[in-house]
């Protein structure tokens, strides 16, 4: 689950909470994620 999105120095940072790994911060350009439709 994405908990926060920030733009910093021209890059987009995603704070993601993983069930098994806990919270992590990733750069959107390197994060292989897709929007989940409900």
N, C-alpha and C. Protein backbone atom coordinates (compact mmCIF):
# COMPACT_ATOMS: atom_id res chain seq x y z
N UNK A 1 0.85 -1.16 0.00
CA UNK A 1 0.00 0.00 0.00
C UNK A 1 0.90 1.23 0.00
N UNK A 2 0.61 2.18 -0.86
CA UNK A 2 1.35 3.44 -0.89
C UNK A 2 0.77 4.34 0.20
N UNK A 3 1.63 4.77 1.12
CA UNK A 3 1.15 5.60 2.22
C UNK A 3 1.43 7.09 2.02
N UNK A 4 2.42 7.41 1.13
CA UNK A 4 2.76 8.81 0.92
C UNK A 4 3.50 8.96 -0.40
N UNK A 5 3.32 10.11 -1.04
CA UNK A 5 4.02 10.42 -2.29
C UNK A 5 4.62 11.81 -2.14
N UNK A 6 5.94 11.93 -2.42
CA UNK A 6 6.63 13.22 -2.32
C UNK A 6 7.45 13.46 -3.58
N UNK A 7 7.52 14.72 -3.99
CA UNK A 7 8.43 15.08 -5.07
C UNK A 7 9.65 15.72 -4.43
N UNK A 8 10.84 15.22 -4.77
CA UNK A 8 12.07 15.71 -4.17
C UNK A 8 13.17 15.73 -5.22
N UNK A 9 13.76 16.89 -5.44
CA UNK A 9 14.85 17.04 -6.41
C UNK A 9 14.49 16.51 -7.80
N UNK A 10 13.25 16.73 -8.22
CA UNK A 10 12.81 16.29 -9.54
C UNK A 10 12.42 14.83 -9.64
N UNK A 11 12.50 14.09 -8.55
CA UNK A 11 12.11 12.68 -8.53
C UNK A 11 10.90 12.51 -7.62
N UNK A 12 10.14 11.46 -7.88
CA UNK A 12 8.98 11.15 -7.04
C UNK A 12 9.34 10.00 -6.12
N UNK A 13 9.19 10.23 -4.80
CA UNK A 13 9.45 9.21 -3.80
C UNK A 13 8.12 8.63 -3.32
N UNK A 14 8.07 7.31 -3.21
CA UNK A 14 6.88 6.62 -2.72
C UNK A 14 7.20 5.96 -1.39
N UNK A 15 6.39 6.20 -0.38
CA UNK A 15 6.48 5.46 0.87
C UNK A 15 5.47 4.33 0.75
N UNK A 16 5.97 3.10 0.79
CA UNK A 16 5.14 1.92 0.58
C UNK A 16 5.22 1.03 1.80
N UNK A 17 4.08 0.53 2.26
CA UNK A 17 4.04 -0.40 3.38
C UNK A 17 3.79 -1.80 2.83
N UNK A 18 4.79 -2.67 2.99
CA UNK A 18 4.69 -4.06 2.56
C UNK A 18 4.25 -4.92 3.74
N UNK A 19 3.39 -5.91 3.49
CA UNK A 19 2.91 -6.79 4.57
C UNK A 19 4.05 -7.53 5.24
N UNK A 20 4.98 -8.07 4.45
CA UNK A 20 6.04 -8.91 5.01
C UNK A 20 7.32 -8.14 5.35
N UNK A 21 7.55 -6.99 4.74
CA UNK A 21 8.81 -6.26 4.91
C UNK A 21 8.68 -4.95 5.67
N UNK A 22 7.44 -4.51 5.92
CA UNK A 22 7.25 -3.24 6.60
C UNK A 22 7.39 -2.06 5.64
N UNK A 23 7.57 -0.84 6.18
CA UNK A 23 7.63 0.36 5.34
C UNK A 23 8.97 0.51 4.63
N UNK A 24 8.90 0.99 3.38
CA UNK A 24 10.09 1.25 2.56
C UNK A 24 9.85 2.51 1.76
N UNK A 25 10.91 3.23 1.42
CA UNK A 25 10.83 4.41 0.55
C UNK A 25 11.52 4.06 -0.77
N UNK A 26 10.80 4.24 -1.88
CA UNK A 26 11.32 3.90 -3.20
C UNK A 26 11.17 5.09 -4.14
N UNK A 27 12.06 5.18 -5.11
CA UNK A 27 11.90 6.15 -6.19
C UNK A 27 10.94 5.57 -7.21
N UNK A 28 9.95 6.35 -7.62
CA UNK A 28 8.92 5.86 -8.54
C UNK A 28 9.51 5.35 -9.85
N UNK A 29 10.58 5.97 -10.33
CA UNK A 29 11.16 5.55 -11.61
C UNK A 29 11.77 4.16 -11.55
N UNK A 30 12.08 3.66 -10.35
CA UNK A 30 12.66 2.32 -10.20
C UNK A 30 11.70 1.31 -9.58
N UNK A 31 10.54 1.77 -9.11
CA UNK A 31 9.59 0.89 -8.43
C UNK A 31 8.66 0.25 -9.46
N UNK A 32 8.74 -1.06 -9.64
CA UNK A 32 7.88 -1.75 -10.62
C UNK A 32 6.48 -1.98 -10.04
N UNK A 33 5.68 -0.91 -9.93
CA UNK A 33 4.35 -1.05 -9.35
C UNK A 33 3.30 -0.59 -10.34
N UNK A 34 2.08 -1.04 -10.12
CA UNK A 34 0.94 -0.65 -10.94
C UNK A 34 -0.20 -0.27 -10.03
N UNK A 35 -1.06 0.63 -10.49
CA UNK A 35 -2.23 1.02 -9.73
C UNK A 35 -3.23 -0.12 -9.74
N UNK A 36 -3.72 -0.48 -8.57
CA UNK A 36 -4.70 -1.55 -8.44
C UNK A 36 -6.10 -0.95 -8.50
N UNK A 37 -6.92 -1.47 -9.39
CA UNK A 37 -8.30 -1.02 -9.50
C UNK A 37 -9.16 -1.78 -8.50
N UNK A 38 -10.00 -1.06 -7.76
CA UNK A 38 -10.90 -1.70 -6.78
C UNK A 38 -12.22 -2.03 -7.40
